Amino acid sequence: MTDPKWAVATERGRYYTDPAGGPDLISVTNALSSIAKPALMPWAAGMTADAVIADPIVTARRARTEPTALRKELVAVSRLYTERAQDLGSRVHLRAVALVLNTPHPYDPEVEAYAVQLAAWFRLWRVDFERDVEAVETTVMHRRYGYAGTGDLWLWLPTGRFRRRQLWLIDYKTSAKKPADTVYDEQPLQLAGLRHAPEWLLPDDTSEPAPRVHRTALLNLRPRSHRFIEVPSGRAQFRAFLGAMRTARYLHSAPGSYPTVLPPWAPGAPERKAA
């Protein structure tokens, strides 16, 4: 994930400030955080188990001598791994922008393996950056529904009938361990939110109508492979995204506590006013 100009990190997650002065817009990924992800719990448990297995003797010794500190470290394993993965994803996205725009970028050995796969995909599809790239790392907005998000790549590809060019909205997904064909349930909703946003922000902070996207896909990048996977982002996915967005907004505005109800004769119960 990159750091778009108008994005703001809040205690409720990422929001976007509307440069036109309207209300804050919830980010697409923040909206989708309200969706339950059942795979996360076994994944987190697996990360913790790996940390224990990596050095079982030391772990057993620390369990006897400093159990509180060990517990805190093990609880934090999945969070630290997630933060490292997010940082790697951001660095890969920045490297992808430099590759598409042909701008200088500092060498990063961990990132370069992903850049090699991305470059191979561009060569496979015979992409001409000047001709085929419509936009990179561009923020889109839907003021009516109150959300915004930043897409990775809008690219024209010869995928229509008789090789007619179609505009694809493509989202990069990076992972060091997940299979290249991995698709999570919320990812089509993410692309649907981006696809159906009617405006995008220009560098001068004005907006204009976003182009019509024909198809959407994930470009899964791995250190030794890649996979280009089309995912649906039509009306059904957009309705589901809006439902997740409304749920997230409700949760973000819900009170932190609720009143306790006592019978009128209990000590501390509010007195009823006389009629």
C-alpha atoms as a PDB file:
ATOM      1  CA  MET A   1       0.000   0.000   0.000  1.00  0.00           C
ATOM      2  CA  THR A   2       1.362   3.410  -0.954  1.00  0.00           C
ATOM      3  CA  ASP A   3       0.777   6.777   0.701  1.00  0.00           C
ATOM      4  CA  PRO A   4      -1.585   8.798  -1.533  1.00  0.00           C
ATOM      5  CA  LYS A   5      -1.553  12.567  -1.158  1.00  0.00           C
ATOM      6  CA  TRP A   6      -5.015  12.992   0.348  1.00  0.00           C
ATOM      7  CA  ALA A   7      -5.002   9.848   2.489  1.00  0.00           C
ATOM      8  CA  VAL A   8      -5.057  10.302   6.267  1.00  0.00           C
ATOM      9  CA  ALA A   9      -4.369   7.619   8.871  1.00  0.00           C
ATOM     10  CA  THR A  10      -6.877   7.823  11.718  1.00  0.00           C
ATOM     11  CA  GLU A  11      -7.691   5.662  14.727  1.00  0.00           C
ATOM     12  CA  ARG A  12     -10.583   4.358  12.610  1.00  0.00           C
ATOM     13  CA  GLY A  13      -8.269   3.407   9.743  1.00  0.00           C
ATOM     14  CA  ARG A  14      -7.480   5.240   6.523  1.00  0.00           C
ATOM     15  CA  TYR A  15      -9.731   8.032   5.294  1.00  0.00           C
ATOM     16  CA  TYR A  16      -9.322  10.494   2.443  1.00  0.00           C
ATOM     17  CA  THR A  17      -9.726  14.251   2.718  1.00  0.00           C
ATOM     18  CA  ASP A  18     -11.825  15.633  -0.119  1.00  0.00           C
ATOM     19  CA  PRO A  19      -9.807  18.449  -1.745  1.00  0.00           C
ATOM     20  CA  ALA A  20     -13.097  20.122  -2.674  1.00  0.00           C
ATOM     21  CA  GLY A  21     -13.917  20.478   1.012  1.00  0.00           C
ATOM     22  CA  GLY A  22     -16.564  17.798   1.390  1.00  0.00           C
ATOM     23  CA  PRO A  23     -16.816  15.236   4.211  1.00  0.00           C
ATOM     24  CA  ASP A  24     -14.014  12.747   4.710  1.00  0.00           C
ATOM     25  CA  LEU A  25     -14.189   9.682   2.479  1.00  0.00           C
ATOM     26  CA  ILE A  26     -13.555   6.214   3.885  1.00  0.00           C
ATOM     27  CA  SER A  27     -10.890   4.296   1.985  1.00  0.00           C
ATOM     28  CA  VAL A  28     -11.844   1.198   0.019  1.00  0.00           C
ATOM     29  CA  THR A  29      -9.520  -1.067   1.995  1.00  0.00           C
ATOM     30  CA  ASN A  30     -10.689   0.424   5.289  1.00  0.00           C
ATOM     31  CA  ALA A  31     -14.300  -0.274   4.331  1.00  0.00           C
ATOM     32  CA  LEU A  32     -13.437  -3.901   3.620  1.00  0.00           C
ATOM     33  CA  SER A  33     -11.821  -4.315   7.024  1.00  0.00           C
ATOM     34  CA  SER A  34     -15.357  -4.854   8.383  1.00  0.00           C
ATOM     35  CA  ILE A  35     -15.562  -8.200   6.549  1.00  0.00           C
ATOM     36  CA  ALA A  36     -14.737 -11.232   8.675  1.00  0.00           C
ATOM     37  CA  LYS A  37     -11.671 -13.081   7.375  1.00  0.00           C
ATOM     38  CA  PRO A  38     -11.818 -16.636   8.753  1.00  0.00           C
ATOM     39  CA  ALA A  39      -8.409 -17.514   7.306  1.00  0.00           C
ATOM     40  CA  LEU A  40      -6.670 -14.944   9.504  1.00  0.00           C
ATOM     41  CA  MET A  41      -7.012 -16.879  12.774  1.00  0.00           C
ATOM     42  CA  PRO A  42      -5.350 -20.120  11.597  1.00  0.00           C
ATOM     43  CA  TRP A  43      -2.772 -18.022   9.724  1.00  0.00           C
ATOM     44  CA  ALA A  44      -1.870 -16.107  12.900  1.00  0.00           C
ATOM     45  CA  ALA A  45      -1.710 -19.362  14.841  1.00  0.00           C
ATOM     46  CA  GLY A  46       0.593 -20.786  12.181  1.00  0.00           C
ATOM     47  CA  MET A  47       2.924 -17.796  12.428  1.00  0.00           C
ATOM     48  CA  THR A  48       3.108 -18.244  16.196  1.00  0.00           C
ATOM     49  CA  ALA A  49       3.742 -21.978  15.829  1.00  0.00           C
ATOM     50  CA  ASP A  50       6.562 -21.289  13.349  1.00  0.00           C
ATOM     51  CA  ALA A  51       8.182 -18.923  15.848  1.00  0.00           C
ATOM     52  CA  VAL A  52       8.097 -21.629  18.518  1.00  0.00           C
ATOM     53  CA  ILE A  53       9.362 -24.371  16.205  1.00  0.00           C
ATOM     54  CA  ALA A  54      12.225 -22.176  14.946  1.00  0.00           C
ATOM     55  CA  ASP A  55      14.004 -22.525  18.303  1.00  0.00           C
ATOM     56  CA  PRO A  56      12.090 -24.900  20.602  1.00  0.00           C
ATOM     57  CA  ILE A  57      14.867 -25.239  23.189  1.00  0.00           C
ATOM     58  CA  VAL A  58      15.174 -21.501  23.749  1.00  0.00           C
ATOM     59  CA  THR A  59      11.382 -21.170  23.741  1.00  0.00           C
ATOM     60  CA  ALA A  60      11.012 -23.878  26.385  1.00  0.00           C
ATOM     61  CA  ARG A  61      13.701 -22.273  28.536  1.00  0.00           C
ATOM     62  CA  ARG A  62      12.102 -18.842  28.297  1.00  0.00           C
ATOM     63  CA  ALA A  63       8.683 -20.319  29.068  1.00  0.00           C
ATOM     64  CA  ARG A  64      10.103 -21.270  32.471  1.00  0.00           C
ATOM     65  CA  THR A  65      12.244 -18.193  33.154  1.00  0.00           C
ATOM     66  CA  GLU A  66      10.324 -15.296  31.556  1.00  0.00           C
ATOM     67  CA  PRO A  67       6.852 -16.484  30.530  1.00  0.00           C
ATOM     68  CA  THR A  68       5.255 -13.016  30.486  1.00  0.00           C
ATOM     69  CA  ALA A  69       7.809 -11.550  28.069  1.00  0.00           C
ATOM     70  CA  LEU A  70       7.682 -14.661  25.875  1.00  0.00           C
ATOM     71  CA  ARG A  71       3.899 -14.526  25.708  1.00  0.00           C
ATOM     72  CA  LYS A  72       3.954 -10.870  24.611  1.00  0.00           C
ATOM     73  CA  GLU A  73       6.478 -11.675  21.879  1.00  0.00           C
ATOM     74  CA  LEU A  74       4.500 -14.646  20.573  1.00  0.00           C
ATOM     75  CA  VAL A  75       1.250 -12.684  20.573  1.00  0.00           C
ATOM     76  CA  ALA A  76       2.983 -10.000  18.476  1.00  0.00           C
ATOM     77  CA  VAL A  77       4.430 -12.416  15.895  1.00  0.00           C
ATOM     78  CA  SER A  78       1.565 -12.241  13.391  1.00  0.00           C
ATOM     79  CA  ARG A  79       1.270  -8.444  13.751  1.00  0.00           C
ATOM     80  CA  LEU A  80       4.986  -7.947  13.092  1.00  0.00           C
ATOM     81  CA  TYR A  81       4.837 -10.289  10.106  1.00  0.00           C
ATOM     82  CA  THR A  82       1.828  -8.366   8.744  1.00  0.00           C
ATOM     83  CA  GLU A  83       3.653  -5.059   9.136  1.00  0.00           C
ATOM     84  CA  ARG A  84       6.702  -6.411   7.302  1.00  0.00           C
ATOM     85  CA  ALA A  85       4.486  -7.765   4.511  1.00  0.00           C
ATOM     86  CA  GLN A  86       2.696  -4.424   4.183  1.00  0.00           C
ATOM     87  CA  ASP A  87       6.021  -2.596   4.062  1.00  0.00           C
ATOM     88  CA  LEU A  88       7.269  -4.941   1.349  1.00  0.00           C
ATOM     89  CA  GLY A  89       4.050  -4.425  -0.613  1.00  0.00           C
ATOM     90  CA  SER A  90       4.462  -0.647  -0.455  1.00  0.00           C
ATOM     91  CA  ARG A  91       8.059  -0.883  -1.658  1.00  0.00           C
ATOM     92  CA  VAL A  92       7.051  -3.158  -4.535  1.00  0.00           C
ATOM     93  CA  HIS A  93       4.303  -0.696  -5.539  1.00  0.00           C
ATOM     94  CA  LEU A  94       6.808   2.174  -5.600  1.00  0.00           C
ATOM     95  CA  ARG A  95       9.183   0.065  -7.668  1.00  0.00           C
ATOM     96  CA  ALA A  96       6.336  -0.743 -10.074  1.00  0.00           C
ATOM     97  CA  VAL A  97       5.599   2.955 -10.550  1.00  0.00           C
ATOM     98  CA  ALA A  98       9.262   3.625 -11.322  1.00  0.00           C
ATOM     99  CA  LEU A  99       9.291   0.741 -13.802  1.00  0.00           C
ATOM    100  CA  VAL A 100       6.215   1.988 -15.654  1.00  0.00           C
ATOM    101  CA  LEU A 101       7.304   5.636 -15.672  1.00  0.00           C
ATOM    102  CA  ASN A 102      10.975   4.791 -16.321  1.00  0.00           C
ATOM    103  CA  THR A 103      12.147   6.893 -13.390  1.00  0.00           C
ATOM    104  CA  PRO A 104      15.153   6.238 -11.102  1.00  0.00           C
ATOM    105  CA  HIS A 105      14.601   4.042  -8.079  1.00  0.00           C
ATOM    106  CA  PRO A 106      17.076   2.949  -5.382  1.00  0.00           C
ATOM    107  CA  TYR A 107      18.126  -0.681  -5.579  1.00  0.00           C
ATOM    108  CA  ASP A 108      16.310  -2.894  -3.086  1.00  0.00           C
ATOM    109  CA  PRO A 109      17.373  -6.553  -3.287  1.00  0.00           C
ATOM    110  CA  GLU A 110      14.220  -7.832  -1.586  1.00  0.00           C
ATOM    111  CA  VAL A 111      11.996  -5.911  -3.986  1.00  0.00           C
ATOM    112  CA  GLU A 112      13.928  -6.579  -7.167  1.00  0.00           C
ATOM    113  CA  ALA A 113      12.749 -10.186  -7.491  1.00  0.00           C
ATOM    114  CA  TYR A 114       9.157  -8.926  -7.704  1.00  0.00           C
ATOM    115  CA  ALA A 115      10.159  -6.221 -10.180  1.00  0.00           C
ATOM    116  CA  VAL A 116      11.711  -8.887 -12.401  1.00  0.00           C
ATOM    117  CA  GLN A 117       8.399 -10.769 -12.452  1.00  0.00           C
ATOM    118  CA  LEU A 118       6.456  -7.596 -13.206  1.00  0.00           C
ATOM    119  CA  ALA A 119       8.809  -6.718 -16.054  1.00  0.00           C
ATOM    120  CA  ALA A 120       8.423 -10.247 -17.423  1.00  0.00           C
ATOM    121  CA  TRP A 121       4.637  -9.840 -17.386  1.00  0.00           C
ATOM    122  CA  PHE A 122       4.869  -6.536 -19.260  1.00  0.00           C
ATOM    123  CA  ARG A 123       7.086  -8.196 -21.885  1.00  0.00           C
ATOM    124  CA  LEU A 124       4.707 -11.155 -22.193  1.00  0.00           C
ATOM    125  CA  TRP A 125       1.837  -8.787 -23.002  1.00  0.00           C
ATOM    126  CA  ARG A 126       4.034  -6.574 -25.209  1.00  0.00           C
ATOM    127  CA  VAL A 127       3.056  -3.519 -23.208  1.00  0.00           C
ATOM    128  CA  ASP A 128       4.147  -0.179 -24.621  1.00  0.00           C
ATOM    129  CA  PHE A 129       4.118   2.158 -21.634  1.00  0.00           C
ATOM    130  CA  GLU A 130       3.616   5.296 -23.692  1.00  0.00           C
ATOM    131  CA  ARG A 131       0.734   3.806 -25.668  1.00  0.00           C
ATOM    132  CA  ASP A 132      -0.977   1.426 -23.250  1.00  0.00           C
ATOM    133  CA  VAL A 133      -0.759   2.925 -19.756  1.00  0.00           C
ATOM    134  CA  GLU A 134      -3.747   5.103 -18.919  1.00  0.00           C
ATOM    135  CA  ALA A 135      -2.830   5.855 -15.289  1.00  0.00           C
ATOM    136  CA  VAL A 136      -0.793   4.608 -12.321  1.00  0.00           C
ATOM    137  CA  GLU A 137      -1.366   5.056  -8.579  1.00  0.00           C
ATOM    138  CA  THR A 138      -4.411   7.260  -9.084  1.00  0.00           C
ATOM    139  CA  THR A 139      -6.993   8.109  -6.439  1.00  0.00           C
ATOM    140  CA  VAL A 140     -10.660   7.685  -7.352  1.00  0.00           C
ATOM    141  CA  MET A 141     -13.657   9.035  -5.440  1.00  0.00           C
ATOM    142  CA  HIS A 142     -17.340   8.367  -5.081  1.00  0.00           C
ATOM    143  CA  ARG A 143     -18.674  11.401  -3.249  1.00  0.00           C
ATOM    144  CA  ARG A 144     -22.270  10.164  -3.368  1.00  0.00           C
ATOM    145  CA  TYR A 145     -21.413   7.035  -1.392  1.00  0.00           C
ATOM    146  CA  GLY A 146     -18.608   8.639   0.598  1.00  0.00           C
ATOM    147  CA  TYR A 147     -15.527   6.598  -0.272  1.00  0.00           C
ATOM    148  CA  ALA A 148     -12.229   6.880  -2.099  1.00  0.00           C
ATOM    149  CA  GLY A 149      -9.346   4.613  -2.995  1.00  0.00           C
ATOM    150  CA  THR A 150      -6.153   4.440  -4.984  1.00  0.00           C
ATOM    151  CA  GLY A 151      -5.789   2.070  -7.921  1.00  0.00           C
ATOM    152  CA  ASP A 152      -2.470   0.599  -9.015  1.00  0.00           C
ATOM    153  CA  LEU A 153      -2.675   0.492 -12.806  1.00  0.00           C
ATOM    154  CA  TRP A 154      -5.095   1.278 -15.623  1.00  0.00           C
ATOM    155  CA  LEU A 155      -3.800  -0.503 -18.697  1.00  0.00           C
ATOM    156  CA  TRP A 156      -5.039  -1.103 -22.245  1.00  0.00           C
ATOM    157  CA  LEU A 157      -4.659  -4.719 -23.348  1.00  0.00           C
ATOM    158  CA  PRO A 158      -5.691  -6.486 -26.604  1.00  0.00           C
ATOM    159  CA  THR A 159      -8.203  -8.782 -24.915  1.00  0.00           C
ATOM    160  CA  GLY A 160     -11.406  -7.888 -26.741  1.00  0.00           C
ATOM    161  CA  ARG A 161     -12.889  -9.534 -29.790  1.00  0.00           C
ATOM    162  CA  PHE A 162     -10.464  -9.452 -32.714  1.00  0.00           C
ATOM    163  CA  ARG A 163      -7.796  -8.233 -30.232  1.00  0.00           C
ATOM    164  CA  ARG A 164      -9.665  -5.025 -29.634  1.00  0.00           C
ATOM    165  CA  ARG A 165      -8.073  -2.997 -26.856  1.00  0.00           C
ATOM    166  CA  GLN A 166      -9.828  -3.002 -23.488  1.00  0.00           C
ATOM    167  CA  LEU A 167      -9.078  -0.940 -20.412  1.00  0.00           C
ATOM    168  CA  TRP A 168      -8.118  -3.071 -17.416  1.00  0.00           C
ATOM    169  CA  LEU A 169      -7.923  -1.944 -13.805  1.00  0.00           C
ATOM    170  CA  ILE A 170      -5.135  -4.028 -12.266  1.00  0.00           C
ATOM    171  CA  ASP A 171      -4.233  -4.424  -8.614  1.00  0.00           C
ATOM    172  CA  TYR A 172      -0.789  -5.733  -7.638  1.00  0.00           C
ATOM    173  CA  LYS A 173      -0.726  -8.323  -4.856  1.00  0.00           C
ATOM    174  CA  THR A 174       2.602  -9.415  -3.375  1.00  0.00           C
ATOM    175  CA  SER A 175       3.494 -12.300  -1.109  1.00  0.00           C
ATOM    176  CA  ALA A 176       6.614 -14.267  -0.347  1.00  0.00           C
ATOM    177  CA  LYS A 177       4.784 -17.493   0.554  1.00  0.00           C
ATOM    178  CA  LYS A 178       1.215 -17.550  -0.767  1.00  0.00           C
ATOM    179  CA  PRO A 179       0.604 -19.474  -4.013  1.00  0.00           C
ATOM    180  CA  ALA A 180       0.473 -17.298  -7.119  1.00  0.00           C
ATOM    181  CA  ASP A 181      -3.155 -18.246  -7.791  1.00  0.00           C
ATOM    182  CA  THR A 182      -4.372 -16.958  -4.395  1.00  0.00           C
ATOM    183  CA  VAL A 183      -7.549 -14.847  -4.481  1.00  0.00           C
ATOM    184  CA  TYR A 184      -9.370 -13.731  -1.337  1.00  0.00           C
ATOM    185  CA  ASP A 185     -13.128 -13.189  -1.200  1.00  0.00           C
ATOM    186  CA  GLU A 186     -12.894  -9.449  -0.527  1.00  0.00           C
ATOM    187  CA  GLN A 187     -10.532  -8.687  -3.425  1.00  0.00           C
ATOM    188  CA  PRO A 188     -13.234  -8.570  -6.136  1.00  0.00           C
ATOM    189  CA  LEU A 189     -15.113  -6.139  -3.871  1.00  0.00           C
ATOM    190  CA  GLN A 190     -12.015  -3.954  -3.614  1.00  0.00           C
ATOM    191  CA  LEU A 191     -11.734  -3.746  -7.394  1.00  0.00           C
ATOM    192  CA  ALA A 192     -15.479  -3.145  -7.691  1.00  0.00           C
ATOM    193  CA  GLY A 193     -15.234  -0.139  -5.381  1.00  0.00           C
ATOM    194  CA  LEU A 194     -12.392   1.308  -7.441  1.00  0.00           C
ATOM    195  CA  ARG A 195     -13.993   0.474 -10.775  1.00  0.00           C
ATOM    196  CA  HIS A 196     -17.344   2.093 -10.010  1.00  0.00           C
ATOM    197  CA  ALA A 197     -15.978   5.335  -8.558  1.00  0.00           C
ATOM    198  CA  PRO A 198     -16.990   8.001 -11.107  1.00  0.00           C
ATOM    199  CA  GLU A 199     -14.163  10.501 -10.555  1.00  0.00           C
ATOM    200  CA  TRP A 200     -10.429  10.483 -10.166  1.00  0.00           C
ATOM    201  CA  LEU A 201      -8.130  13.103  -8.717  1.00  0.00           C
ATOM    202  CA  LEU A 202      -5.667  14.900 -10.949  1.00  0.00           C
ATOM    203  CA  PRO A 203      -2.210  16.106  -9.849  1.00  0.00           C
ATOM    204  CA  ASP A 204      -3.547  19.664  -9.444  1.00  0.00           C
ATOM    205  CA  ASP A 205      -6.179  18.365  -6.948  1.00  0.00           C
ATOM    206  CA  THR A 206      -9.085  18.865  -9.309  1.00  0.00           C
ATOM    207  CA  SER A 207     -11.191  15.930 -10.411  1.00  0.00           C
ATOM    208  CA  GLU A 208     -12.548  14.658 -13.696  1.00  0.00           C
ATOM    209  CA  PRO A 209     -14.685  11.706 -14.797  1.00  0.00           C
ATOM    210  CA  ALA A 210     -12.797   8.438 -14.587  1.00  0.00           C
ATOM    211  CA  PRO A 211     -12.586   6.388 -17.785  1.00  0.00           C
ATOM    212  CA  ARG A 212     -14.824   3.384 -18.279  1.00  0.00           C
ATOM    213  CA  VAL A 213     -13.076   0.214 -17.162  1.00  0.00           C
ATOM    214  CA  HIS A 214     -13.888  -2.899 -19.168  1.00  0.00           C
ATOM    215  CA  ARG A 215     -12.309  -5.582 -16.960  1.00  0.00           C
ATOM    216  CA  THR A 216     -10.502  -5.976 -13.633  1.00  0.00           C
ATOM    217  CA  ALA A 217      -7.742  -8.280 -12.472  1.00  0.00           C
ATOM    218  CA  LEU A 218      -5.185  -9.111  -9.819  1.00  0.00           C
ATOM    219  CA  LEU A 219      -1.565  -9.323 -10.817  1.00  0.00           C
ATOM    220  CA  ASN A 220      -0.116 -11.618  -8.168  1.00  0.00           C
ATOM    221  CA  LEU A 221       3.637 -11.099  -7.908  1.00  0.00           C
ATOM    222  CA  ARG A 222       5.881 -13.640  -6.243  1.00  0.00           C
ATOM    223  CA  PRO A 223       9.686 -13.750  -6.056  1.00  0.00           C
ATOM    224  CA  ARG A 224       9.829 -16.499  -8.703  1.00  0.00           C
ATOM    225  CA  SER A 225       6.493 -16.327 -10.475  1.00  0.00           C
ATOM    226  CA  HIS A 226       3.474 -14.234 -11.326  1.00  0.00           C
ATOM    227  CA  ARG A 227      -0.158 -14.821 -12.205  1.00  0.00           C
ATOM    228  CA  PHE A 228      -2.657 -12.530 -13.947  1.00  0.00           C
ATOM    229  CA  ILE A 229      -6.135 -13.374 -12.663  1.00  0.00           C
ATOM    230  CA  GLU A 230      -9.354 -11.753 -13.851  1.00  0.00           C
ATOM    231  CA  VAL A 231     -11.864 -11.204 -11.040  1.00  0.00           C
ATOM    232  CA  PRO A 232     -15.477 -10.004 -11.285  1.00  0.00           C
ATOM    233  CA  SER A 233     -16.316  -6.443 -10.268  1.00  0.00           C
ATOM    234  CA  GLY A 234     -19.849  -5.956 -11.558  1.00  0.00           C
ATOM    235  CA  ARG A 235     -23.038  -4.809  -9.863  1.00  0.00           C
ATOM    236  CA  ALA A 236     -23.217  -7.732  -7.444  1.00  0.00           C
ATOM    237  CA  GLN A 237     -19.690  -7.107  -6.194  1.00  0.00           C
ATOM    238  CA  PHE A 238     -20.325  -3.359  -5.995  1.00  0.00           C
ATOM    239  CA  ARG A 239     -23.467  -3.865  -3.906  1.00  0.00           C
ATOM    240  CA  ALA A 240     -21.519  -6.130  -1.589  1.00  0.00           C
ATOM    241  CA  PHE A 241     -18.780  -3.505  -1.303  1.00  0.00           C
ATOM    242  CA  LEU A 242     -21.326  -0.817  -0.402  1.00  0.00           C
ATOM    243  CA  GLY A 243     -22.728  -3.094   2.281  1.00  0.00           C
ATOM    244  CA  ALA A 244     -19.253  -3.549   3.776  1.00  0.00           C
ATOM    245  CA  MET A 245     -18.684   0.195   3.597  1.00  0.00           C
ATOM    246  CA  ARG A 246     -21.901   0.951   5.483  1.00  0.00           C
ATOM    247  CA  THR A 247     -21.000  -1.624   8.122  1.00  0.00           C
ATOM    248  CA  ALA A 248     -17.550  -0.094   8.569  1.00  0.00           C
ATOM    249  CA  ARG A 249     -18.976   3.411   8.906  1.00  0.00           C
ATOM    250  CA  TYR A 250     -21.470   2.216  11.510  1.00  0.00           C
ATOM    251  CA  LEU A 251     -18.733   0.506  13.508  1.00  0.00           C
ATOM    252  CA  HIS A 252     -16.518   3.597  13.301  1.00  0.00           C
ATOM    253  CA  SER A 253     -19.286   5.798  14.710  1.00  0.00           C
ATOM    254  CA  ALA A 254     -20.654   3.358  17.298  1.00  0.00           C
ATOM    255  CA  PRO A 255     -20.356   4.473  20.936  1.00  0.00           C
ATOM    256  CA  GLY A 256     -17.614   2.959  23.016  1.00  0.00           C
ATOM    257  CA  SER A 257     -19.970   2.042  25.859  1.00  0.00           C
ATOM    258  CA  TYR A 258     -23.667   1.636  26.565  1.00  0.00           C
ATOM    259  CA  PRO A 259     -25.734   2.407  29.697  1.00  0.00           C
ATOM    260  CA  THR A 260     -26.516  -0.268  32.233  1.00  0.00           C
ATOM    261  CA  VAL A 261     -30.231  -0.636  32.934  1.00  0.00           C
ATOM    262  CA  LEU A 262     -31.230  -1.092  36.592  1.00  0.00           C
ATOM    263  CA  PRO A 263     -34.648  -1.760  38.126  1.00  0.00           C
ATOM    264  CA  PRO A 264     -36.133   1.388  39.637  1.00  0.00           C
ATOM    265  CA  TRP A 265     -35.730   0.101  43.222  1.00  0.00           C
ATOM    266  CA  ALA A 266     -32.030  -0.764  42.871  1.00  0.00           C
ATOM    267  CA  PRO A 267     -29.421   1.499  44.504  1.00  0.00           C
ATOM    268  CA  GLY A 268     -28.064   3.953  41.962  1.00  0.00           C
ATOM    269  CA  ALA A 269     -31.072   3.738  39.652  1.00  0.00           C
ATOM    270  CA  PRO A 270     -32.166   7.121  38.289  1.00  0.00           C
ATOM    271  CA  GLU A 271     -35.164   8.547  40.092  1.00  0.00           C
ATOM    272  CA  ARG A 272     -38.368   8.827  38.128  1.00  0.00           C
ATOM    273  CA  LYS A 273     -39.711  12.332  37.876  1.00  0.00           C
ATOM    274  CA  ALA A 274     -43.175  12.953  39.202  1.00  0.00           C
ATOM    275  CA  ALA A 275     -45.803  13.469  36.552  1.00  0.00           C
END
